[in-house]
PDB file of N, CA and C in Angstrom:
ATOM      1  N   MET A   1      -4.580  -7.808 -24.982  1.00  0.00           N
ATOM      2  CA  MET A   1      -5.656  -8.588 -24.393  1.00  0.00           C
ATOM      3  C   MET A   1      -5.287  -8.946 -22.951  1.00  0.00           C
ATOM      4  N   VAL A   2      -6.206  -8.744 -22.035  1.00  0.00           N
ATOM      5  CA  VAL A   2      -5.985  -9.046 -20.633  1.00  0.00           C
ATOM      6  C   VAL A   2      -6.499 -10.443 -20.350  1.00  0.00           C
ATOM      7  N   ALA A   3      -5.668 -11.238 -19.679  1.00  0.00           N
ATOM      8  CA  ALA A   3      -6.066 -12.608 -19.349  1.00  0.00           C
ATOM      9  C   ALA A   3      -7.163 -12.597 -18.296  1.00  0.00           C
ATOM     10  N   LYS A   4      -8.101 -13.530 -18.408  1.00  0.00           N
ATOM     11  CA  LYS A   4      -9.162 -13.665 -17.415  1.00  0.00           C
ATOM     12  C   LYS A   4      -8.589 -14.210 -16.124  1.00  0.00           C
ATOM     13  N   LYS A   5      -9.114 -13.705 -15.013  1.00  0.00           N
ATOM     14  CA  LYS A   5      -8.686 -14.206 -13.713  1.00  0.00           C
ATOM     15  C   LYS A   5      -9.463 -15.478 -13.401  1.00  0.00           C
ATOM     16  N   ASP A   6      -8.764 -16.454 -12.841  1.00  0.00           N
ATOM     17  CA  ASP A   6      -9.370 -17.709 -12.421  1.00  0.00           C
ATOM     18  C   ASP A   6     -10.251 -17.438 -11.208  1.00  0.00           C
ATOM     19  N   SER A   7     -11.533 -17.826 -11.280  1.00  0.00           N
ATOM     20  CA  SER A   7     -12.457 -17.544 -10.182  1.00  0.00           C
ATOM     21  C   SER A   7     -12.097 -18.310  -8.911  1.00  0.00           C
ATOM     22  N   ALA A   8     -11.297 -19.369  -9.022  1.00  0.00           N
ATOM     23  CA  ALA A   8     -10.872 -20.128  -7.852  1.00  0.00           C
ATOM     24  C   ALA A   8      -9.619 -19.524  -7.222  1.00  0.00           C
ATOM     25  N   LYS A   9      -9.091 -18.491  -7.831  1.00  0.00           N
ATOM     26  CA  LYS A   9      -7.868 -17.858  -7.360  1.00  0.00           C
ATOM     27  C   LYS A   9      -8.092 -17.172  -6.016  1.00  0.00           C
ATOM     28  N   VAL A  10      -7.066 -17.134  -5.207  1.00  0.00           N
ATOM     29  CA  VAL A  10      -7.117 -16.494  -3.905  1.00  0.00           C
ATOM     30  C   VAL A  10      -7.355 -14.992  -4.075  1.00  0.00           C
ATOM     31  N   HIS A  11      -8.083 -14.408  -3.143  1.00  0.00           N
ATOM     32  CA  HIS A  11      -8.374 -12.972  -3.165  1.00  0.00           C
ATOM     33  C   HIS A  11      -7.076 -12.169  -3.204  1.00  0.00           C
ATOM     34  N   THR A  12      -6.999 -11.223  -4.104  1.00  0.00           N
ATOM     35  CA  THR A  12      -5.859 -10.318  -4.157  1.00  0.00           C
ATOM     36  C   THR A  12      -6.354  -8.930  -3.766  1.00  0.00           C
ATOM     37  N   PRO A  13      -5.800  -8.382  -2.705  1.00  0.00           N
ATOM     38  CA  PRO A  13      -6.310  -7.131  -2.152  1.00  0.00           C
ATOM     39  C   PRO A  13      -6.015  -5.899  -2.994  1.00  0.00           C
ATOM     40  N   ARG A  14      -6.784  -4.868  -2.718  1.00  0.00           N
ATOM     41  CA  ARG A  14      -6.594  -3.550  -3.321  1.00  0.00           C
ATOM     42  C   ARG A  14      -5.933  -2.659  -2.274  1.00  0.00           C
ATOM     43  N   ILE A  15      -4.856  -2.036  -2.659  1.00  0.00           N
ATOM     44  CA  ILE A  15      -4.167  -1.095  -1.784  1.00  0.00           C
ATOM     45  C   ILE A  15      -4.408   0.301  -2.338  1.00  0.00           C
ATOM     46  N   GLU A  16      -4.734   1.228  -1.454  1.00  0.00           N
ATOM     47  CA  GLU A  16      -4.940   2.620  -1.847  1.00  0.00           C
ATOM     48  C   GLU A  16      -3.990   3.503  -1.041  1.00  0.00           C
ATOM     49  N   ILE A  17      -3.363   4.432  -1.728  1.00  0.00           N
ATOM     50  CA  ILE A  17      -2.560   5.451  -1.055  1.00  0.00           C
ATOM     51  C   ILE A  17      -3.237   6.784  -1.344  1.00  0.00           C
ATOM     52  N   HIS A  18      -3.833   7.363  -0.308  1.00  0.00           N
ATOM     53  CA  HIS A  18      -4.488   8.663  -0.416  1.00  0.00           C
ATOM     54  C   HIS A  18      -3.451   9.720  -0.068  1.00  0.00           C
ATOM     55  N   TYR A  19      -3.314  10.722  -0.924  1.00  0.00           N
ATOM     56  CA  TYR A  19      -2.287  11.740  -0.711  1.00  0.00           C
ATOM     57  C   TYR A  19      -2.845  13.131  -1.009  1.00  0.00           C
ATOM     58  N   CYS A  20      -2.343  14.118  -0.283  1.00  0.00           N
ATOM     59  CA  CYS A  20      -2.775  15.500  -0.466  1.00  0.00           C
ATOM     60  C   CYS A  20      -2.067  16.105  -1.676  1.00  0.00           C
ATOM     61  N   THR A  21      -2.871  16.576  -2.625  1.00  0.00           N
ATOM     62  CA  THR A  21      -2.295  17.206  -3.814  1.00  0.00           C
ATOM     63  C   THR A  21      -1.772  18.602  -3.491  1.00  0.00           C
ATOM     64  N   GLN A  22      -2.442  19.299  -2.579  1.00  0.00           N
ATOM     65  CA  GLN A  22      -2.024  20.652  -2.198  1.00  0.00           C
ATOM     66  C   GLN A  22      -0.655  20.640  -1.529  1.00  0.00           C
ATOM     67  N   CYS A  23      -0.376  19.578  -0.772  1.00  0.00           N
ATOM     68  CA  CYS A  23       0.903  19.447  -0.068  1.00  0.00           C
ATOM     69  C   CYS A  23       1.977  18.817  -0.959  1.00  0.00           C
ATOM     70  N   ARG A  24       1.568  18.422  -2.139  1.00  0.00           N
ATOM     71  CA  ARG A  24       2.488  17.788  -3.103  1.00  0.00           C
ATOM     72  C   ARG A  24       3.094  16.491  -2.562  1.00  0.00           C
ATOM     73  N   PHE A  25       2.248  15.676  -1.950  1.00  0.00           N
ATOM     74  CA  PHE A  25       2.697  14.390  -1.426  1.00  0.00           C
ATOM     75  C   PHE A  25       2.769  13.317  -2.518  1.00  0.00           C
ATOM     76  N   ILE A  26       2.541  13.700  -3.767  1.00  0.00           N
ATOM     77  CA  ILE A  26       2.528  12.743  -4.873  1.00  0.00           C
ATOM     78  C   ILE A  26       3.850  11.987  -5.010  1.00  0.00           C
ATOM     79  N   LEU A  27       4.974  12.647  -4.812  1.00  0.00           N
ATOM     80  CA  LEU A  27       6.258  11.953  -4.970  1.00  0.00           C
ATOM     81  C   LEU A  27       6.435  10.859  -3.928  1.00  0.00           C
ATOM     82  N   ARG A  28       6.068  11.149  -2.684  1.00  0.00           N
ATOM     83  CA  ARG A  28       6.159  10.138  -1.623  1.00  0.00           C
ATOM     84  C   ARG A  28       5.181   8.996  -1.897  1.00  0.00           C
ATOM     85  N   ALA A  29       3.975   9.349  -2.312  1.00  0.00           N
ATOM     86  CA  ALA A  29       2.963   8.328  -2.596  1.00  0.00           C
ATOM     87  C   ALA A  29       3.403   7.418  -3.740  1.00  0.00           C
ATOM     88  N   SER A  30       3.935   7.993  -4.795  1.00  0.00           N
ATOM     89  CA  SER A  30       4.347   7.178  -5.945  1.00  0.00           C
ATOM     90  C   SER A  30       5.578   6.341  -5.622  1.00  0.00           C
ATOM     91  N   TRP A  31       6.502   6.872  -4.822  1.00  0.00           N
ATOM     92  CA  TRP A  31       7.667   6.089  -4.406  1.00  0.00           C
ATOM     93  C   TRP A  31       7.231   4.884  -3.560  1.00  0.00           C
ATOM     94  N   LEU A  32       6.349   5.107  -2.585  1.00  0.00           N
ATOM     95  CA  LEU A  32       5.866   3.995  -1.764  1.00  0.00           C
ATOM     96  C   LEU A  32       5.067   2.997  -2.596  1.00  0.00           C
ATOM     97  N   ALA A  33       4.312   3.490  -3.568  1.00  0.00           N
ATOM     98  CA  ALA A  33       3.573   2.588  -4.456  1.00  0.00           C
ATOM     99  C   ALA A  33       4.539   1.673  -5.207  1.00  0.00           C
ATOM    100  N   GLN A  34       5.610   2.235  -5.714  1.00  0.00           N
ATOM    101  CA  GLN A  34       6.619   1.442  -6.420  1.00  0.00           C
ATOM    102  C   GLN A  34       7.241   0.402  -5.491  1.00  0.00           C
ATOM    103  N   GLU A  35       7.571   0.797  -4.281  1.00  0.00           N
ATOM    104  CA  GLU A  35       8.142  -0.136  -3.305  1.00  0.00           C
ATOM    105  C   GLU A  35       7.176  -1.295  -3.028  1.00  0.00           C
ATOM    106  N   LEU A  36       5.897  -0.975  -2.864  1.00  0.00           N
ATOM    107  CA  LEU A  36       4.903  -2.016  -2.579  1.00  0.00           C
ATOM    108  C   LEU A  36       4.697  -2.934  -3.770  1.00  0.00           C
ATOM    109  N   LEU A  37       4.664  -2.369  -4.963  1.00  0.00           N
ATOM    110  CA  LEU A  37       4.493  -3.195  -6.164  1.00  0.00           C
ATOM    111  C   LEU A  37       5.674  -4.138  -6.358  1.00  0.00           C
ATOM    112  N   MET A  38       6.873  -3.674  -6.088  1.00  0.00           N
ATOM    113  CA  MET A  38       8.044  -4.544  -6.233  1.00  0.00           C
ATOM    114  C   MET A  38       8.068  -5.623  -5.153  1.00  0.00           C
ATOM    115  N   THR A  39       7.648  -5.288  -3.951  1.00  0.00           N
ATOM    116  CA  THR A  39       7.685  -6.242  -2.843  1.00  0.00           C
ATOM    117  C   THR A  39       6.584  -7.287  -2.940  1.00  0.00           C
ATOM    118  N   PHE A  40       5.370  -6.861  -3.261  1.00  0.00           N
ATOM    119  CA  PHE A  40       4.239  -7.779  -3.208  1.00  0.00           C
ATOM    120  C   PHE A  40       3.842  -8.348  -4.567  1.00  0.00           C
ATOM    121  N   ALA A  41       4.427  -7.833  -5.618  1.00  0.00           N
ATOM    122  CA  ALA A  41       4.241  -8.332  -6.986  1.00  0.00           C
ATOM    123  C   ALA A  41       2.833  -8.880  -7.225  1.00  0.00           C
ATOM    124  N   GLU A  42       2.690 -10.185  -7.247  1.00  0.00           N
ATOM    125  CA  GLU A  42       1.404 -10.796  -7.591  1.00  0.00           C
ATOM    126  C   GLU A  42       0.530 -11.110  -6.376  1.00  0.00           C
ATOM    127  N   ARG A  43       0.924 -10.645  -5.213  1.00  0.00           N
ATOM    128  CA  ARG A  43       0.102 -10.863  -4.015  1.00  0.00           C
ATOM    129  C   ARG A  43      -0.985  -9.801  -3.873  1.00  0.00           C
ATOM    130  N   ILE A  44      -0.886  -8.738  -4.672  1.00  0.00           N
ATOM    131  CA  ILE A  44      -1.926  -7.708  -4.639  1.00  0.00           C
ATOM    132  C   ILE A  44      -2.598  -7.655  -6.005  1.00  0.00           C
ATOM    133  N   GLY A  45      -3.841  -7.262  -5.996  1.00  0.00           N
ATOM    134  CA  GLY A  45      -4.589  -7.205  -7.243  1.00  0.00           C
ATOM    135  C   GLY A  45      -4.566  -5.832  -7.875  1.00  0.00           C
ATOM    136  N   GLU A  46      -4.406  -4.809  -7.026  1.00  0.00           N
ATOM    137  CA  GLU A  46      -4.487  -3.445  -7.536  1.00  0.00           C
ATOM    138  C   GLU A  46      -3.856  -2.503  -6.521  1.00  0.00           C
ATOM    139  N   LEU A  47      -3.220  -1.464  -7.039  1.00  0.00           N
ATOM    140  CA  LEU A  47      -2.688  -0.410  -6.192  1.00  0.00           C
ATOM    141  C   LEU A  47      -3.114   0.910  -6.804  1.00  0.00           C
ATOM    142  N   ALA A  48      -3.803   1.726  -6.017  1.00  0.00           N
ATOM    143  CA  ALA A  48      -4.335   2.984  -6.532  1.00  0.00           C
ATOM    144  C   ALA A  48      -3.754   4.168  -5.772  1.00  0.00           C
ATOM    145  N   LEU A  49      -3.401   5.204  -6.509  1.00  0.00           N
ATOM    146  CA  LEU A  49      -3.029   6.482  -5.922  1.00  0.00           C
ATOM    147  C   LEU A  49      -4.284   7.355  -5.974  1.00  0.00           C
ATOM    148  N   VAL A  50      -4.719   7.826  -4.815  1.00  0.00           N
ATOM    149  CA  VAL A  50      -5.981   8.547  -4.718  1.00  0.00           C
ATOM    150  C   VAL A  50      -5.724   9.993  -4.293  1.00  0.00           C
ATOM    151  N   PRO A  51      -5.879  10.949  -5.222  1.00  0.00           N
ATOM    152  CA  PRO A  51      -5.672  12.352  -4.872  1.00  0.00           C
ATOM    153  C   PRO A  51      -6.671  12.802  -3.804  1.00  0.00           C
ATOM    154  N   SER A  52      -6.179  13.594  -2.862  1.00  0.00           N
ATOM    155  CA  SER A  52      -7.018  14.079  -1.775  1.00  0.00           C
ATOM    156  C   SER A  52      -6.570  15.497  -1.415  1.00  0.00           C
ATOM    157  N   SER A  53      -6.968  15.959  -0.241  1.00  0.00           N
ATOM    158  CA  SER A  53      -6.597  17.305   0.212  1.00  0.00           C
ATOM    159  C   SER A  53      -6.467  17.309   1.731  1.00  0.00           C
ATOM    160  N   SER A  54      -6.303  18.474   2.322  1.00  0.00           N
ATOM    161  CA  SER A  54      -6.261  18.666   3.779  1.00  0.00           C
ATOM    162  C   SER A  54      -5.117  17.929   4.472  1.00  0.00           C
ATOM    163  N   GLY A  55      -3.983  17.769   3.785  1.00  0.00           N
ATOM    164  CA  GLY A  55      -2.820  17.148   4.403  1.00  0.00           C
ATOM    165  C   GLY A  55      -2.893  15.645   4.539  1.00  0.00           C
ATOM    166  N   VAL A  56      -3.829  15.021   3.845  1.00  0.00           N
ATOM    167  CA  VAL A  56      -4.037  13.581   3.965  1.00  0.00           C
ATOM    168  C   VAL A  56      -2.876  12.780   3.384  1.00  0.00           C
ATOM    169  N   PHE A  57      -2.457  11.779   4.126  1.00  0.00           N
ATOM    170  CA  PHE A  57      -1.579  10.735   3.605  1.00  0.00           C
ATOM    171  C   PHE A  57      -1.958   9.481   4.365  1.00  0.00           C
ATOM    172  N   ALA A  58      -2.678   8.583   3.700  1.00  0.00           N
ATOM    173  CA  ALA A  58      -3.180   7.374   4.353  1.00  0.00           C
ATOM    174  C   ALA A  58      -3.072   6.199   3.402  1.00  0.00           C
ATOM    175  N   VAL A  59      -2.850   5.014   3.987  1.00  0.00           N
ATOM    176  CA  VAL A  59      -2.750   3.791   3.204  1.00  0.00           C
ATOM    177  C   VAL A  59      -3.839   2.844   3.685  1.00  0.00           C
ATOM    178  N   LEU A  60      -4.600   2.322   2.725  1.00  0.00           N
ATOM    179  CA  LEU A  60      -5.694   1.404   3.032  1.00  0.00           C
ATOM    180  C   LEU A  60      -5.491   0.092   2.302  1.00  0.00           C
ATOM    181  N   VAL A  61      -5.896  -0.993   2.933  1.00  0.00           N
ATOM    182  CA  VAL A  61      -5.917  -2.307   2.305  1.00  0.00           C
ATOM    183  C   VAL A  61      -7.358  -2.787   2.353  1.00  0.00           C
ATOM    184  N   ASP A  62      -7.934  -3.008   1.185  1.00  0.00           N
ATOM    185  CA  ASP A  62      -9.344  -3.411   1.080  1.00  0.00           C
ATOM    186  C   ASP A  62     -10.261  -2.510   1.916  1.00  0.00           C
ATOM    187  N   GLY A  63      -9.988  -1.203   1.854  1.00  0.00           N
ATOM    188  CA  GLY A  63     -10.843  -0.236   2.530  1.00  0.00           C
ATOM    189  C   GLY A  63     -10.539  -0.006   3.995  1.00  0.00           C
ATOM    190  N   GLU A  64      -9.618  -0.786   4.578  1.00  0.00           N
ATOM    191  CA  GLU A  64      -9.258  -0.614   5.984  1.00  0.00           C
ATOM    192  C   GLU A  64      -7.949   0.141   6.087  1.00  0.00           C
ATOM    193  N   GLU A  65      -7.943   1.175   6.880  1.00  0.00           N
ATOM    194  CA  GLU A  65      -6.747   1.986   7.048  1.00  0.00           C
ATOM    195  C   GLU A  65      -5.670   1.208   7.806  1.00  0.00           C
ATOM    196  N   VAL A  66      -4.471   1.153   7.228  1.00  0.00           N
ATOM    197  CA  VAL A  66      -3.348   0.516   7.911  1.00  0.00           C
ATOM    198  C   VAL A  66      -2.341   1.549   8.401  1.00  0.00           C
ATOM    199  N   PHE A  67      -2.368   2.740   7.803  1.00  0.00           N
ATOM    200  CA  PHE A  67      -1.488   3.821   8.259  1.00  0.00           C
ATOM    201  C   PHE A  67      -2.100   5.154   7.877  1.00  0.00           C
ATOM    202  N   SER A  68      -1.988   6.114   8.797  1.00  0.00           N
ATOM    203  CA  SER A  68      -2.470   7.464   8.538  1.00  0.00           C
ATOM    204  C   SER A  68      -1.480   8.469   9.122  1.00  0.00           C
ATOM    205  N   ARG A  69      -1.096   9.416   8.317  1.00  0.00           N
ATOM    206  CA  ARG A  69      -0.212  10.487   8.776  1.00  0.00           C
ATOM    207  C   ARG A  69      -0.881  11.271   9.906  1.00  0.00           C
ATOM    208  N   LYS A  70      -2.172  11.456   9.807  1.00  0.00           N
ATOM    209  CA  LYS A  70      -2.911  12.204  10.833  1.00  0.00           C
ATOM    210  C   LYS A  70      -2.867  11.473  12.183  1.00  0.00           C
ATOM    211  N   THR A  71      -3.069  10.175  12.174  1.00  0.00           N
ATOM    212  CA  THR A  71      -3.064   9.376  13.407  1.00  0.00           C
ATOM    213  C   THR A  71      -1.676   9.275  14.010  1.00  0.00           C
ATOM    214  N   HIS A  72      -0.666   9.002  13.161  1.00  0.00           N
ATOM    215  CA  HIS A  72       0.695   8.766  13.641  1.00  0.00           C
ATOM    216  C   HIS A  72       1.547  10.028  13.768  1.00  0.00           C
ATOM    217  N   GLY A  73       1.093  11.118  13.141  1.00  0.00           N
ATOM    218  CA  GLY A  73       1.839  12.360  13.212  1.00  0.00           C
ATOM    219  C   GLY A  73       3.109  12.369  12.376  1.00  0.00           C
ATOM    220  N   ARG A  74       3.195  11.456  11.421  1.00  0.00           N
ATOM    221  CA  ARG A  74       4.378  11.327  10.570  1.00  0.00           C
ATOM    222  C   ARG A  74       4.035  10.474   9.361  1.00  0.00           C
ATOM    223  N   PHE A  75       4.975  10.387   8.440  1.00  0.00           N
ATOM    224  CA  PHE A  75       4.816   9.490   7.294  1.00  0.00           C
ATOM    225  C   PHE A  75       5.351   8.110   7.655  1.00  0.00           C
ATOM    226  N   PRO A  76       4.858   7.065   6.989  1.00  0.00           N
ATOM    227  CA  PRO A  76       5.420   5.733   7.227  1.00  0.00           C
ATOM    228  C   PRO A  76       6.755   5.603   6.498  1.00  0.00           C
ATOM    229  N   ASP A  77       7.649   4.796   7.048  1.00  0.00           N
ATOM    230  CA  ASP A  77       8.821   4.476   6.243  1.00  0.00           C
ATOM    231  C   ASP A  77       8.505   3.204   5.461  1.00  0.00           C
ATOM    232  N   SER A  78       9.286   2.938   4.473  1.00  0.00           N
ATOM    233  CA  SER A  78       9.024   1.816   3.570  1.00  0.00           C
ATOM    234  C   SER A  78       8.954   0.485   4.315  1.00  0.00           C
ATOM    235  N   LYS A  79       9.919   0.245   5.179  1.00  0.00           N
ATOM    236  CA  LYS A  79       9.979  -1.012   5.932  1.00  0.00           C
ATOM    237  C   LYS A  79       8.722  -1.209   6.775  1.00  0.00           C
ATOM    238  N   GLU A  80       8.334  -0.167   7.499  1.00  0.00           N
ATOM    239  CA  GLU A  80       7.155  -0.238   8.356  1.00  0.00           C
ATOM    240  C   GLU A  80       5.887  -0.515   7.550  1.00  0.00           C
ATOM    241  N   LEU A  81       5.737   0.180   6.430  1.00  0.00           N
ATOM    242  CA  LEU A  81       4.543   0.007   5.610  1.00  0.00           C
ATOM    243  C   LEU A  81       4.486  -1.397   5.017  1.00  0.00           C
ATOM    244  N   LYS A  82       5.611  -1.901   4.562  1.00  0.00           N
ATOM    245  CA  LYS A  82       5.659  -3.264   4.022  1.00  0.00           C
ATOM    246  C   LYS A  82       5.255  -4.277   5.088  1.00  0.00           C
ATOM    247  N   GLN A  83       5.735  -4.090   6.315  1.00  0.00           N
ATOM    248  CA  GLN A  83       5.383  -5.012   7.395  1.00  0.00           C
ATOM    249  C   GLN A  83       3.890  -4.949   7.709  1.00  0.00           C
ATOM    250  N   LEU A  84       3.336  -3.739   7.768  1.00  0.00           N
ATOM    251  CA  LEU A  84       1.910  -3.584   8.059  1.00  0.00           C
ATOM    252  C   LEU A  84       1.049  -4.256   6.985  1.00  0.00           C
ATOM    253  N   ILE A  85       1.426  -4.080   5.738  1.00  0.00           N
ATOM    254  CA  ILE A  85       0.651  -4.664   4.643  1.00  0.00           C
ATOM    255  C   ILE A  85       0.844  -6.169   4.599  1.00  0.00           C
ATOM    256  N   ARG A  86       2.070  -6.629   4.765  1.00  0.00           N
ATOM    257  CA  ARG A  86       2.333  -8.073   4.797  1.00  0.00           C
ATOM    258  C   ARG A  86       1.513  -8.743   5.889  1.00  0.00           C
ATOM    259  N   ASP A  87       1.492  -8.142   7.079  1.00  0.00           N
ATOM    260  CA  ASP A  87       0.742  -8.719   8.197  1.00  0.00           C
ATOM    261  C   ASP A  87      -0.745  -8.824   7.877  1.00  0.00           C
ATOM    262  N   ARG A  88      -1.233  -7.968   6.995  1.00  0.00           N
ATOM    263  CA  ARG A  88      -2.642  -7.964   6.624  1.00  0.00           C
ATOM    264  C   ARG A  88      -2.938  -8.958   5.508  1.00  0.00           C
ATOM    265  N   ILE A  89      -2.030  -9.071   4.519  1.00  0.00           N
ATOM    266  CA  ILE A  89      -2.367  -9.869   3.338  1.00  0.00           C
ATOM    267  C   ILE A  89      -1.707 -11.251   3.292  1.00  0.00           C
ATOM    268  N   ASP A  90      -0.550 -11.415   3.948  1.00  0.00           N
ATOM    269  CA  ASP A  90       0.157 -12.707   3.904  1.00  0.00           C
ATOM    270  C   ASP A  90       1.154 -12.778   5.053  1.00  0.00           C
ATOM    271  N   PRO A  91       0.663 -13.004   6.289  1.00  0.00           N
ATOM    272  CA  PRO A  91       1.520 -12.964   7.476  1.00  0.00           C
ATOM    273  C   PRO A  91       2.728 -13.910   7.430  1.00  0.00           C
ATOM    274  N   ALA A  92       2.657 -14.961   6.659  1.00  0.00           N
ATOM    275  CA  ALA A  92       3.767 -15.923   6.587  1.00  0.00           C
ATOM    276  C   ALA A  92       4.860 -15.488   5.618  1.00  0.00           C
ATOM    277  N   MET A  93       4.605 -14.454   4.846  1.00  0.00           N
ATOM    278  CA  MET A  93       5.573 -13.997   3.838  1.00  0.00           C
ATOM    279  C   MET A  93       6.812 -13.392   4.491  1.00  0.00           C
ATOM    280  N   SER A  94       7.977 -13.799   4.004  1.00  0.00           N
ATOM    281  CA  SER A  94       9.234 -13.213   4.470  1.00  0.00           C
ATOM    282  C   SER A  94       9.495 -11.935   3.682  1.00  0.00           C
ATOM    283  N   LEU A  95       9.932 -10.910   4.398  1.00  0.00           N
ATOM    284  CA  LEU A  95      10.304  -9.652   3.749  1.00  0.00           C
ATOM    285  C   LEU A  95      11.823  -9.500   3.674  1.00  0.00           C
ATOM    286  N   GLY A  96      12.538 -10.567   3.930  1.00  0.00           N
ATOM    287  CA  GLY A  96      13.997 -10.516   3.872  1.00  0.00           C
ATOM    288  C   GLY A  96      14.538  -9.499   4.851  1.00  0.00           C
ATOM    289  N   HIS A  97      15.392  -8.598   4.355  1.00  0.00           N
ATOM    290  CA  HIS A  97      16.020  -7.618   5.248  1.00  0.00           C
ATOM    291  C   HIS A  97      15.028  -6.642   5.875  1.00  0.00           C
ATOM    292  N   SER A  98      13.839  -6.520   5.327  1.00  0.00           N
ATOM    293  CA  SER A  98      12.824  -5.623   5.910  1.00  0.00           C
ATOM    294  C   SER A  98      12.190  -6.225   7.168  1.00  0.00           C
ATOM    295  N   ASP A  99      12.484  -7.497   7.452  1.00  0.00           N
ATOM    296  CA  ASP A  99      11.981  -8.125   8.675  1.00  0.00           C
ATOM    297  C   ASP A  99      12.925  -7.918   9.842  1.00  0.00           C
ATOM    298  N   GLU A 100      14.116  -7.439   9.578  1.00  0.00           N
ATOM    299  CA  GLU A 100      15.121  -7.298  10.629  1.00  0.00           C
ATOM    300  C   GLU A 100      14.891  -6.061  11.458  1.00  0.00           C
TER     301      GLU A 100
END
């Protein structure tokens, strides 16, 4: 049985990681998903892995892109992605060694 969410509860964002299945980016996407789930625990409401194509690797928070492989010409590293998401969902949150 799933507990009901309190309607007075603070908004918990949805994070999406879009990854190219043809390029086999699933391992990177799932690793970053695990890192985000461990870091943000109950600060996020949902994390989705979204299969895509055409070399896509993008991370969205509530539908807004925070990182794109196409735009940056590279993949995000874990520290960078955590900082980008933290700045969007809880700017006061300490990331410990990831803030250094």
